N, C-alpha and C. Protein backbone atom coordinates (compact mmCIF):
# COMPACT_ATOMS: atom_id res chain seq x y z
N UNK A 1 -17.82 -18.18 -28.71
CA UNK A 1 -17.15 -19.42 -28.98
C UNK A 1 -17.24 -20.32 -27.74
N UNK A 2 -17.64 -21.57 -27.94
CA UNK A 2 -17.82 -22.49 -26.83
C UNK A 2 -16.48 -23.11 -26.44
N UNK A 3 -16.20 -23.12 -25.16
CA UNK A 3 -14.95 -23.67 -24.67
C UNK A 3 -15.05 -25.20 -24.63
N UNK A 4 -13.99 -25.87 -25.10
CA UNK A 4 -13.97 -27.32 -25.08
C UNK A 4 -13.85 -27.81 -23.65
N UNK A 5 -14.56 -28.90 -23.36
CA UNK A 5 -14.46 -29.51 -22.04
C UNK A 5 -13.41 -30.60 -22.09
N UNK A 6 -12.65 -30.71 -21.02
CA UNK A 6 -11.63 -31.75 -20.94
C UNK A 6 -12.30 -33.06 -20.55
N UNK A 7 -11.91 -34.10 -21.23
CA UNK A 7 -12.43 -35.44 -20.95
C UNK A 7 -12.12 -35.80 -19.50
N UNK A 8 -13.12 -36.25 -18.74
CA UNK A 8 -12.89 -36.61 -17.33
C UNK A 8 -11.82 -37.68 -17.15
N UNK A 9 -11.67 -38.57 -18.13
CA UNK A 9 -10.64 -39.61 -18.03
C UNK A 9 -9.25 -38.99 -18.04
N UNK A 10 -9.08 -37.94 -18.84
CA UNK A 10 -7.78 -37.25 -18.90
C UNK A 10 -7.48 -36.59 -17.55
N UNK A 11 -8.50 -35.95 -16.99
CA UNK A 11 -8.33 -35.30 -15.68
C UNK A 11 -8.01 -36.32 -14.59
N UNK A 12 -8.72 -37.46 -14.61
CA UNK A 12 -8.48 -38.52 -13.60
C UNK A 12 -7.06 -39.07 -13.73
N UNK A 13 -6.62 -39.32 -14.96
CA UNK A 13 -5.28 -39.87 -15.17
C UNK A 13 -4.22 -38.88 -14.71
N UNK A 14 -4.41 -37.62 -15.05
CA UNK A 14 -3.46 -36.59 -14.63
C UNK A 14 -3.38 -36.52 -13.10
N UNK A 15 -4.53 -36.55 -12.45
CA UNK A 15 -4.58 -36.52 -10.99
C UNK A 15 -3.93 -37.76 -10.40
N UNK A 16 -4.15 -38.91 -11.00
CA UNK A 16 -3.55 -40.16 -10.54
C UNK A 16 -2.02 -40.08 -10.60
N UNK A 17 -1.49 -39.55 -11.69
CA UNK A 17 -0.03 -39.40 -11.82
C UNK A 17 0.49 -38.42 -10.77
N UNK A 18 -0.22 -37.31 -10.58
CA UNK A 18 0.22 -36.31 -9.59
C UNK A 18 0.17 -36.89 -8.17
N UNK A 19 -0.91 -37.61 -7.85
CA UNK A 19 -1.03 -38.22 -6.52
C UNK A 19 0.06 -39.26 -6.29
N UNK A 20 0.37 -40.03 -7.33
CA UNK A 20 1.43 -41.03 -7.22
C UNK A 20 2.77 -40.36 -6.95
N UNK A 21 3.01 -39.27 -7.64
CA UNK A 21 4.25 -38.52 -7.42
C UNK A 21 4.33 -38.00 -5.98
N UNK A 22 3.24 -37.46 -5.49
CA UNK A 22 3.21 -36.95 -4.11
C UNK A 22 3.51 -38.08 -3.13
N UNK A 23 2.90 -39.22 -3.36
CA UNK A 23 3.12 -40.39 -2.50
C UNK A 23 4.60 -40.80 -2.51
N UNK A 24 5.19 -40.89 -3.68
CA UNK A 24 6.59 -41.30 -3.80
C UNK A 24 7.52 -40.25 -3.19
N UNK A 25 7.17 -38.96 -3.37
CA UNK A 25 8.04 -37.90 -2.87
C UNK A 25 8.13 -37.88 -1.34
N UNK A 26 7.19 -38.52 -0.68
CA UNK A 26 7.26 -38.66 0.77
C UNK A 26 8.24 -39.73 1.20
N UNK A 27 8.63 -40.59 0.24
CA UNK A 27 9.52 -41.71 0.56
C UNK A 27 10.93 -41.54 -0.01
N UNK A 28 11.03 -40.83 -1.13
CA UNK A 28 12.31 -40.71 -1.83
C UNK A 28 12.63 -39.26 -2.10
N UNK A 29 13.91 -38.96 -2.20
CA UNK A 29 14.31 -37.61 -2.59
C UNK A 29 14.00 -37.43 -4.07
N UNK A 30 13.73 -36.20 -4.45
CA UNK A 30 13.33 -35.91 -5.83
C UNK A 30 14.34 -36.44 -6.84
N UNK A 31 15.62 -36.25 -6.57
CA UNK A 31 16.65 -36.66 -7.52
C UNK A 31 16.64 -38.17 -7.74
N UNK A 32 16.12 -38.93 -6.79
CA UNK A 32 16.09 -40.39 -6.89
C UNK A 32 14.79 -40.93 -7.50
N UNK A 33 13.82 -40.09 -7.69
CA UNK A 33 12.55 -40.53 -8.26
C UNK A 33 12.70 -40.66 -9.78
N UNK A 34 12.26 -41.78 -10.30
CA UNK A 34 12.32 -42.01 -11.75
C UNK A 34 10.91 -41.99 -12.34
N UNK A 35 10.87 -41.84 -13.65
CA UNK A 35 9.58 -41.91 -14.35
C UNK A 35 8.98 -43.29 -14.13
N UNK A 36 9.82 -44.31 -14.13
CA UNK A 36 9.34 -45.68 -13.89
C UNK A 36 8.68 -45.80 -12.52
N UNK A 37 9.27 -45.17 -11.50
CA UNK A 37 8.65 -45.19 -10.16
C UNK A 37 7.24 -44.60 -10.23
N UNK A 38 7.13 -43.48 -10.90
CA UNK A 38 5.85 -42.77 -10.98
C UNK A 38 4.82 -43.58 -11.76
N UNK A 39 5.24 -44.09 -12.93
CA UNK A 39 4.29 -44.85 -13.77
C UNK A 39 3.88 -46.16 -13.10
N UNK A 40 4.80 -46.78 -12.39
CA UNK A 40 4.46 -48.02 -11.68
C UNK A 40 3.44 -47.74 -10.58
N UNK A 41 3.70 -46.69 -9.81
CA UNK A 41 2.78 -46.32 -8.73
C UNK A 41 1.40 -45.94 -9.27
N UNK A 42 1.40 -45.21 -10.39
CA UNK A 42 0.13 -44.75 -10.97
C UNK A 42 -0.54 -45.81 -11.85
N UNK A 43 0.19 -46.87 -12.14
CA UNK A 43 -0.30 -47.94 -13.02
C UNK A 43 -0.67 -47.39 -14.40
N UNK A 44 0.24 -46.60 -14.96
CA UNK A 44 0.09 -46.09 -16.32
C UNK A 44 1.41 -46.35 -17.06
N UNK A 45 1.38 -46.26 -18.37
CA UNK A 45 2.63 -46.47 -19.11
C UNK A 45 3.35 -45.14 -19.32
N UNK A 46 4.60 -45.23 -19.80
CA UNK A 46 5.44 -44.04 -20.00
C UNK A 46 4.79 -43.06 -20.99
N UNK A 47 4.19 -43.59 -22.04
CA UNK A 47 3.56 -42.73 -23.04
C UNK A 47 2.45 -41.89 -22.41
N UNK A 48 1.70 -42.50 -21.51
CA UNK A 48 0.64 -41.77 -20.81
C UNK A 48 1.24 -40.67 -19.95
N UNK A 49 2.32 -40.99 -19.24
CA UNK A 49 2.99 -39.99 -18.43
C UNK A 49 3.40 -38.81 -19.30
N UNK A 50 4.07 -39.10 -20.42
CA UNK A 50 4.59 -38.03 -21.29
C UNK A 50 3.48 -37.30 -22.05
N UNK A 51 2.32 -37.87 -22.12
CA UNK A 51 1.17 -37.16 -22.70
C UNK A 51 0.79 -35.99 -21.78
N UNK A 52 0.92 -36.21 -20.49
CA UNK A 52 0.49 -35.22 -19.49
C UNK A 52 1.61 -34.28 -19.04
N UNK A 53 2.85 -34.76 -19.01
CA UNK A 53 3.96 -33.98 -18.47
C UNK A 53 5.20 -34.16 -19.33
N UNK A 54 6.01 -33.08 -19.42
CA UNK A 54 7.24 -33.14 -20.22
C UNK A 54 8.28 -34.05 -19.58
N UNK A 55 8.41 -33.95 -18.25
CA UNK A 55 9.39 -34.74 -17.51
C UNK A 55 9.04 -34.62 -16.02
N UNK A 56 9.89 -35.15 -15.17
CA UNK A 56 9.56 -35.12 -13.74
C UNK A 56 9.64 -33.70 -13.17
N UNK A 57 10.42 -32.83 -13.79
CA UNK A 57 10.51 -31.44 -13.34
C UNK A 57 9.21 -30.69 -13.64
N UNK A 58 8.66 -30.97 -14.81
CA UNK A 58 7.37 -30.39 -15.18
C UNK A 58 6.29 -30.89 -14.21
N UNK A 59 6.32 -32.17 -13.90
CA UNK A 59 5.38 -32.75 -12.94
C UNK A 59 5.52 -32.10 -11.58
N UNK A 60 6.75 -31.95 -11.11
CA UNK A 60 6.99 -31.30 -9.81
C UNK A 60 6.38 -29.91 -9.79
N UNK A 61 6.64 -29.14 -10.84
CA UNK A 61 6.13 -27.78 -10.91
C UNK A 61 4.60 -27.75 -10.89
N UNK A 62 3.98 -28.62 -11.66
CA UNK A 62 2.51 -28.66 -11.73
C UNK A 62 1.91 -29.09 -10.40
N UNK A 63 2.52 -30.08 -9.76
CA UNK A 63 2.03 -30.55 -8.46
C UNK A 63 2.13 -29.43 -7.43
N UNK A 64 3.29 -28.79 -7.35
CA UNK A 64 3.47 -27.73 -6.36
C UNK A 64 2.52 -26.56 -6.61
N UNK A 65 2.36 -26.18 -7.87
CA UNK A 65 1.45 -25.08 -8.20
C UNK A 65 0.02 -25.41 -7.79
N UNK A 66 -0.40 -26.61 -8.09
CA UNK A 66 -1.78 -27.01 -7.77
C UNK A 66 -2.00 -27.07 -6.26
N UNK A 67 -1.04 -27.65 -5.55
CA UNK A 67 -1.17 -27.74 -4.09
C UNK A 67 -1.17 -26.34 -3.47
N UNK A 68 -0.32 -25.47 -3.97
CA UNK A 68 -0.29 -24.09 -3.46
C UNK A 68 -1.62 -23.40 -3.71
N UNK A 69 -2.16 -23.53 -4.92
CA UNK A 69 -3.43 -22.88 -5.23
C UNK A 69 -4.56 -23.41 -4.35
N UNK A 70 -4.51 -24.70 -4.05
CA UNK A 70 -5.52 -25.26 -3.14
C UNK A 70 -5.35 -24.64 -1.75
N UNK A 71 -4.10 -24.53 -1.29
CA UNK A 71 -3.83 -23.90 0.01
C UNK A 71 -4.27 -22.45 0.03
N UNK A 72 -4.06 -21.76 -1.08
CA UNK A 72 -4.45 -20.35 -1.14
C UNK A 72 -5.96 -20.18 -1.33
N UNK A 73 -6.64 -21.28 -1.65
CA UNK A 73 -8.07 -21.21 -1.96
C UNK A 73 -8.26 -20.13 -3.02
N UNK A 74 -7.66 -20.36 -4.18
CA UNK A 74 -7.50 -19.34 -5.20
C UNK A 74 -8.81 -18.69 -5.64
N UNK A 75 -9.90 -19.43 -5.65
CA UNK A 75 -11.18 -18.81 -6.04
C UNK A 75 -11.55 -17.71 -5.07
N UNK A 76 -11.38 -17.99 -3.77
CA UNK A 76 -11.71 -17.00 -2.75
C UNK A 76 -10.75 -15.81 -2.84
N UNK A 77 -9.47 -16.09 -3.02
CA UNK A 77 -8.48 -15.01 -3.11
C UNK A 77 -8.74 -14.15 -4.34
N UNK A 78 -9.12 -14.77 -5.46
CA UNK A 78 -9.42 -14.02 -6.69
C UNK A 78 -10.57 -13.03 -6.48
N UNK A 79 -11.48 -13.36 -5.60
CA UNK A 79 -12.64 -12.50 -5.35
C UNK A 79 -12.31 -11.33 -4.43
N UNK A 80 -11.24 -11.48 -3.66
CA UNK A 80 -10.92 -10.49 -2.64
C UNK A 80 -10.12 -9.31 -3.18
N UNK A 81 -10.12 -8.27 -2.38
CA UNK A 81 -9.30 -7.10 -2.67
C UNK A 81 -8.07 -7.15 -1.79
N UNK A 82 -7.11 -6.31 -2.11
CA UNK A 82 -5.87 -6.25 -1.34
C UNK A 82 -6.16 -5.49 -0.04
N UNK A 83 -6.36 -6.24 1.03
CA UNK A 83 -6.63 -5.65 2.34
C UNK A 83 -6.00 -6.53 3.43
N UNK A 84 -6.16 -6.13 4.67
CA UNK A 84 -5.52 -6.84 5.79
C UNK A 84 -5.94 -8.30 5.84
N UNK A 85 -7.23 -8.56 5.74
CA UNK A 85 -7.74 -9.94 5.82
C UNK A 85 -7.14 -10.83 4.73
N UNK A 86 -7.07 -10.30 3.53
CA UNK A 86 -6.54 -11.08 2.40
C UNK A 86 -5.05 -11.36 2.59
N UNK A 87 -4.29 -10.36 3.01
CA UNK A 87 -2.86 -10.55 3.20
C UNK A 87 -2.59 -11.57 4.30
N UNK A 88 -3.34 -11.50 5.39
CA UNK A 88 -3.18 -12.48 6.47
C UNK A 88 -3.52 -13.88 5.94
N UNK A 89 -4.60 -13.99 5.21
CA UNK A 89 -5.04 -15.26 4.65
C UNK A 89 -3.97 -15.86 3.72
N UNK A 90 -3.41 -15.03 2.86
CA UNK A 90 -2.37 -15.49 1.93
C UNK A 90 -1.11 -15.90 2.70
N UNK A 91 -0.73 -15.09 3.68
CA UNK A 91 0.47 -15.40 4.46
C UNK A 91 0.32 -16.72 5.21
N UNK A 92 -0.81 -16.93 5.84
CA UNK A 92 -1.06 -18.17 6.57
C UNK A 92 -1.04 -19.36 5.60
N UNK A 93 -1.64 -19.19 4.43
CA UNK A 93 -1.64 -20.27 3.42
C UNK A 93 -0.21 -20.61 2.99
N UNK A 94 0.62 -19.60 2.79
CA UNK A 94 2.00 -19.84 2.38
C UNK A 94 2.76 -20.58 3.47
N UNK A 95 2.61 -20.15 4.71
CA UNK A 95 3.34 -20.81 5.80
C UNK A 95 2.83 -22.24 5.99
N UNK A 96 1.52 -22.47 5.85
CA UNK A 96 0.99 -23.83 5.94
C UNK A 96 1.54 -24.70 4.81
N UNK A 97 1.59 -24.14 3.61
CA UNK A 97 2.11 -24.85 2.45
C UNK A 97 3.57 -25.24 2.68
N UNK A 98 4.37 -24.29 3.15
CA UNK A 98 5.79 -24.57 3.41
C UNK A 98 5.95 -25.63 4.50
N UNK A 99 5.12 -25.55 5.54
CA UNK A 99 5.21 -26.54 6.61
C UNK A 99 4.85 -27.93 6.12
N UNK A 100 3.80 -28.03 5.32
CA UNK A 100 3.40 -29.35 4.83
C UNK A 100 4.46 -29.92 3.90
N UNK A 101 5.10 -29.06 3.10
CA UNK A 101 6.15 -29.54 2.21
C UNK A 101 7.39 -29.97 2.98
N UNK A 102 7.73 -29.25 4.03
CA UNK A 102 8.94 -29.59 4.77
C UNK A 102 8.79 -30.95 5.46
N UNK A 103 7.57 -31.36 5.73
CA UNK A 103 7.34 -32.66 6.35
C UNK A 103 7.37 -33.78 5.30
N UNK A 104 6.97 -33.46 4.07
CA UNK A 104 6.88 -34.48 3.01
C UNK A 104 8.10 -34.52 2.11
N UNK A 105 8.66 -33.38 1.83
CA UNK A 105 9.70 -33.30 0.80
C UNK A 105 11.09 -33.24 1.43
N UNK A 106 12.01 -33.77 0.69
CA UNK A 106 13.41 -33.74 1.11
C UNK A 106 14.09 -32.53 0.49
N UNK A 107 15.34 -32.36 0.80
CA UNK A 107 16.11 -31.24 0.24
C UNK A 107 16.11 -31.27 -1.28
N UNK A 108 16.36 -30.12 -1.86
CA UNK A 108 16.44 -30.07 -3.31
C UNK A 108 15.22 -29.43 -3.95
N UNK A 109 14.17 -29.23 -3.17
CA UNK A 109 12.95 -28.63 -3.70
C UNK A 109 12.91 -27.12 -3.50
N UNK A 110 13.75 -26.58 -2.65
CA UNK A 110 13.60 -25.21 -2.17
C UNK A 110 13.50 -24.16 -3.27
N UNK A 111 14.41 -24.21 -4.24
CA UNK A 111 14.39 -23.20 -5.30
C UNK A 111 13.12 -23.27 -6.13
N UNK A 112 12.71 -24.48 -6.46
CA UNK A 112 11.49 -24.66 -7.26
C UNK A 112 10.28 -24.18 -6.47
N UNK A 113 10.21 -24.56 -5.22
CA UNK A 113 9.09 -24.15 -4.36
C UNK A 113 9.04 -22.63 -4.25
N UNK A 114 10.18 -22.01 -4.00
CA UNK A 114 10.24 -20.56 -3.86
C UNK A 114 9.75 -19.88 -5.13
N UNK A 115 10.21 -20.34 -6.28
CA UNK A 115 9.82 -19.73 -7.55
C UNK A 115 8.32 -19.89 -7.79
N UNK A 116 7.79 -21.07 -7.54
CA UNK A 116 6.35 -21.30 -7.76
C UNK A 116 5.51 -20.43 -6.83
N UNK A 117 5.89 -20.35 -5.57
CA UNK A 117 5.14 -19.51 -4.63
C UNK A 117 5.15 -18.06 -5.11
N UNK A 118 6.32 -17.56 -5.48
CA UNK A 118 6.43 -16.16 -5.92
C UNK A 118 5.63 -15.92 -7.20
N UNK A 119 5.69 -16.85 -8.14
CA UNK A 119 4.95 -16.68 -9.40
C UNK A 119 3.44 -16.65 -9.15
N UNK A 120 2.95 -17.56 -8.31
CA UNK A 120 1.52 -17.61 -8.03
C UNK A 120 1.07 -16.35 -7.27
N UNK A 121 1.89 -15.92 -6.32
CA UNK A 121 1.56 -14.70 -5.57
C UNK A 121 1.55 -13.49 -6.49
N UNK A 122 2.49 -13.45 -7.40
CA UNK A 122 2.56 -12.33 -8.35
C UNK A 122 1.27 -12.23 -9.16
N UNK A 123 0.77 -13.34 -9.63
CA UNK A 123 -0.48 -13.36 -10.39
C UNK A 123 -1.64 -12.87 -9.53
N UNK A 124 -1.70 -13.39 -8.31
CA UNK A 124 -2.79 -13.01 -7.38
C UNK A 124 -2.74 -11.52 -7.07
N UNK A 125 -1.54 -11.02 -6.71
CA UNK A 125 -1.42 -9.60 -6.37
C UNK A 125 -1.71 -8.71 -7.58
N UNK A 126 -1.28 -9.11 -8.74
CA UNK A 126 -1.53 -8.31 -9.94
C UNK A 126 -3.04 -8.18 -10.18
N UNK A 127 -3.77 -9.27 -10.05
CA UNK A 127 -5.23 -9.23 -10.23
C UNK A 127 -5.88 -8.29 -9.20
N UNK A 128 -5.41 -8.36 -7.96
CA UNK A 128 -5.96 -7.50 -6.91
C UNK A 128 -5.65 -6.03 -7.17
N UNK A 129 -4.42 -5.76 -7.59
CA UNK A 129 -4.03 -4.38 -7.89
C UNK A 129 -4.80 -3.84 -9.09
N UNK A 130 -5.02 -4.67 -10.06
CA UNK A 130 -5.77 -4.27 -11.25
C UNK A 130 -7.21 -3.92 -10.89
N UNK A 131 -7.78 -4.67 -9.94
CA UNK A 131 -9.14 -4.36 -9.47
C UNK A 131 -9.17 -3.01 -8.77
N UNK A 132 -8.13 -2.75 -7.98
CA UNK A 132 -8.07 -1.52 -7.19
C UNK A 132 -7.83 -0.30 -8.08
N UNK A 133 -6.97 -0.45 -9.10
CA UNK A 133 -6.60 0.68 -9.95
C UNK A 133 -6.59 0.24 -11.43
N UNK A 134 -7.78 0.02 -11.98
CA UNK A 134 -7.87 -0.51 -13.34
C UNK A 134 -7.29 0.40 -14.42
N UNK A 135 -7.18 1.67 -14.16
CA UNK A 135 -6.70 2.61 -15.18
C UNK A 135 -5.20 2.89 -15.07
N UNK A 136 -4.55 2.29 -14.06
CA UNK A 136 -3.13 2.55 -13.88
C UNK A 136 -2.29 1.81 -14.92
N UNK A 137 -1.06 2.26 -15.03
CA UNK A 137 -0.14 1.67 -15.99
C UNK A 137 0.16 0.21 -15.60
N UNK A 138 -0.01 -0.69 -16.56
CA UNK A 138 0.19 -2.12 -16.31
C UNK A 138 1.58 -2.45 -15.79
N UNK A 139 2.59 -1.84 -16.34
CA UNK A 139 3.97 -2.15 -15.93
C UNK A 139 4.19 -1.84 -14.46
N UNK A 140 3.69 -0.72 -14.00
CA UNK A 140 3.85 -0.34 -12.59
C UNK A 140 3.11 -1.34 -11.69
N UNK A 141 1.93 -1.77 -12.12
CA UNK A 141 1.17 -2.75 -11.33
C UNK A 141 1.90 -4.10 -11.30
N UNK A 142 2.48 -4.49 -12.43
CA UNK A 142 3.23 -5.75 -12.48
C UNK A 142 4.45 -5.70 -11.56
N UNK A 143 5.14 -4.57 -11.59
CA UNK A 143 6.32 -4.43 -10.73
C UNK A 143 5.93 -4.43 -9.25
N UNK A 144 4.81 -3.81 -8.94
CA UNK A 144 4.31 -3.81 -7.57
C UNK A 144 3.94 -5.22 -7.14
N UNK A 145 3.32 -5.97 -8.04
CA UNK A 145 2.96 -7.37 -7.75
C UNK A 145 4.20 -8.21 -7.49
N UNK A 146 5.26 -7.97 -8.26
CA UNK A 146 6.52 -8.68 -8.05
C UNK A 146 7.08 -8.34 -6.67
N UNK A 147 7.09 -7.06 -6.34
CA UNK A 147 7.62 -6.63 -5.05
C UNK A 147 6.83 -7.26 -3.90
N UNK A 148 5.50 -7.25 -4.01
CA UNK A 148 4.67 -7.83 -2.96
C UNK A 148 4.89 -9.34 -2.84
N UNK A 149 5.00 -10.03 -3.98
CA UNK A 149 5.17 -11.48 -3.94
C UNK A 149 6.51 -11.87 -3.31
N UNK A 150 7.58 -11.21 -3.72
CA UNK A 150 8.89 -11.50 -3.13
C UNK A 150 8.91 -11.12 -1.65
N UNK A 151 8.30 -9.99 -1.32
CA UNK A 151 8.28 -9.53 0.07
C UNK A 151 7.52 -10.48 0.98
N UNK A 152 6.35 -10.90 0.54
CA UNK A 152 5.55 -11.80 1.37
C UNK A 152 6.22 -13.17 1.47
N UNK A 153 6.79 -13.64 0.37
CA UNK A 153 7.51 -14.91 0.42
C UNK A 153 8.71 -14.81 1.38
N UNK A 154 9.49 -13.75 1.26
CA UNK A 154 10.64 -13.55 2.14
C UNK A 154 10.24 -13.47 3.60
N UNK A 155 9.12 -12.83 3.86
CA UNK A 155 8.61 -12.73 5.23
C UNK A 155 8.23 -14.11 5.75
N UNK A 156 7.64 -14.93 4.90
CA UNK A 156 7.27 -16.30 5.29
C UNK A 156 8.52 -17.12 5.61
N UNK A 157 9.57 -16.94 4.82
CA UNK A 157 10.83 -17.65 5.07
C UNK A 157 11.40 -17.20 6.41
N UNK A 158 11.38 -15.91 6.65
CA UNK A 158 11.89 -15.36 7.92
C UNK A 158 11.07 -15.88 9.09
N UNK A 159 9.74 -15.94 8.93
CA UNK A 159 8.87 -16.46 10.00
C UNK A 159 9.25 -17.91 10.32
N UNK A 160 9.52 -18.70 9.30
CA UNK A 160 9.87 -20.12 9.50
C UNK A 160 11.15 -20.28 10.32
N UNK A 161 12.06 -19.33 10.21
CA UNK A 161 13.33 -19.41 10.96
C UNK A 161 13.09 -19.24 12.46
N UNK A 162 12.13 -18.40 12.83
CA UNK A 162 11.90 -18.08 14.23
C UNK A 162 10.72 -18.81 14.84
N UNK A 163 9.59 -18.70 14.22
CA UNK A 163 8.32 -19.32 14.68
C UNK A 163 8.02 -19.02 16.15
N UNK A 164 8.31 -17.81 16.56
CA UNK A 164 8.05 -17.46 17.96
C UNK A 164 6.57 -17.16 18.20
N UNK A 165 5.88 -16.73 17.16
CA UNK A 165 4.46 -16.43 17.25
C UNK A 165 3.75 -17.09 16.06
N UNK A 166 2.44 -17.27 16.16
CA UNK A 166 1.70 -17.81 15.02
C UNK A 166 1.83 -16.86 13.81
N UNK A 167 1.70 -17.40 12.60
CA UNK A 167 1.89 -16.56 11.40
C UNK A 167 0.97 -15.34 11.36
N UNK A 168 -0.26 -15.48 11.87
CA UNK A 168 -1.20 -14.36 11.86
C UNK A 168 -0.65 -13.19 12.67
N UNK A 169 -0.10 -13.51 13.84
CA UNK A 169 0.45 -12.47 14.71
C UNK A 169 1.72 -11.86 14.12
N UNK A 170 2.46 -12.67 13.39
CA UNK A 170 3.72 -12.21 12.80
C UNK A 170 3.47 -11.19 11.69
N UNK A 171 2.46 -11.43 10.87
CA UNK A 171 2.24 -10.58 9.69
C UNK A 171 1.41 -9.33 10.01
N UNK A 172 0.52 -9.40 10.98
CA UNK A 172 -0.40 -8.27 11.23
C UNK A 172 0.28 -6.93 11.47
N UNK A 173 1.36 -6.85 12.27
CA UNK A 173 1.99 -5.53 12.47
C UNK A 173 2.62 -4.95 11.19
N UNK A 174 2.88 -5.79 10.21
CA UNK A 174 3.52 -5.33 8.98
C UNK A 174 2.52 -4.79 7.95
N UNK A 175 1.27 -5.16 8.10
CA UNK A 175 0.26 -4.86 7.08
C UNK A 175 0.06 -3.36 6.85
N UNK A 176 0.05 -2.51 7.88
CA UNK A 176 -0.11 -1.07 7.58
C UNK A 176 0.96 -0.53 6.63
N UNK A 177 2.15 -1.09 6.70
CA UNK A 177 3.22 -0.63 5.81
C UNK A 177 3.00 -1.13 4.38
N UNK A 178 2.35 -2.26 4.23
CA UNK A 178 2.07 -2.84 2.91
C UNK A 178 0.91 -2.12 2.24
N UNK A 179 -0.14 -1.89 2.99
CA UNK A 179 -1.39 -1.35 2.45
C UNK A 179 -1.27 0.11 2.06
N UNK A 180 -0.60 0.89 2.86
CA UNK A 180 -0.59 2.35 2.62
C UNK A 180 0.22 2.70 1.42
């Protein structure tokens, strides 16, 4: 069965709305951003906005997920196995993502950001675990992926509190405990 291709105009419009939201979020707190602000900045009408997104919360989630995946370089991560290099790479991407958001975003995003990071990490870790042990029980692999995603996210939060060493140096001593 041939997969349908998305019209490039739809992709461009969606990107335009997301970029407009990112631009506005650097100036206003999320709670103060309106659909009108977004549509005015993107030069689209409300119907076009609602064709692409349910509401501003849906837009926020999609923007954060996409930016995180770009930071994680998801294609490269999908190809990798669960090893020291991959964990360091993911950890550095998470800390970079959090740093870039803290400079652009105001308060009120933390819970959404945390959930999106953990969900994306869970998917990535599950794929890696499945590659490593394809015959293992799915539920155990899913639970392990959840544990790894929460653990790595929590470690990134802890690193942000101290920042005494670069993220690479912070995570490397912990990796033997994760891998074994």
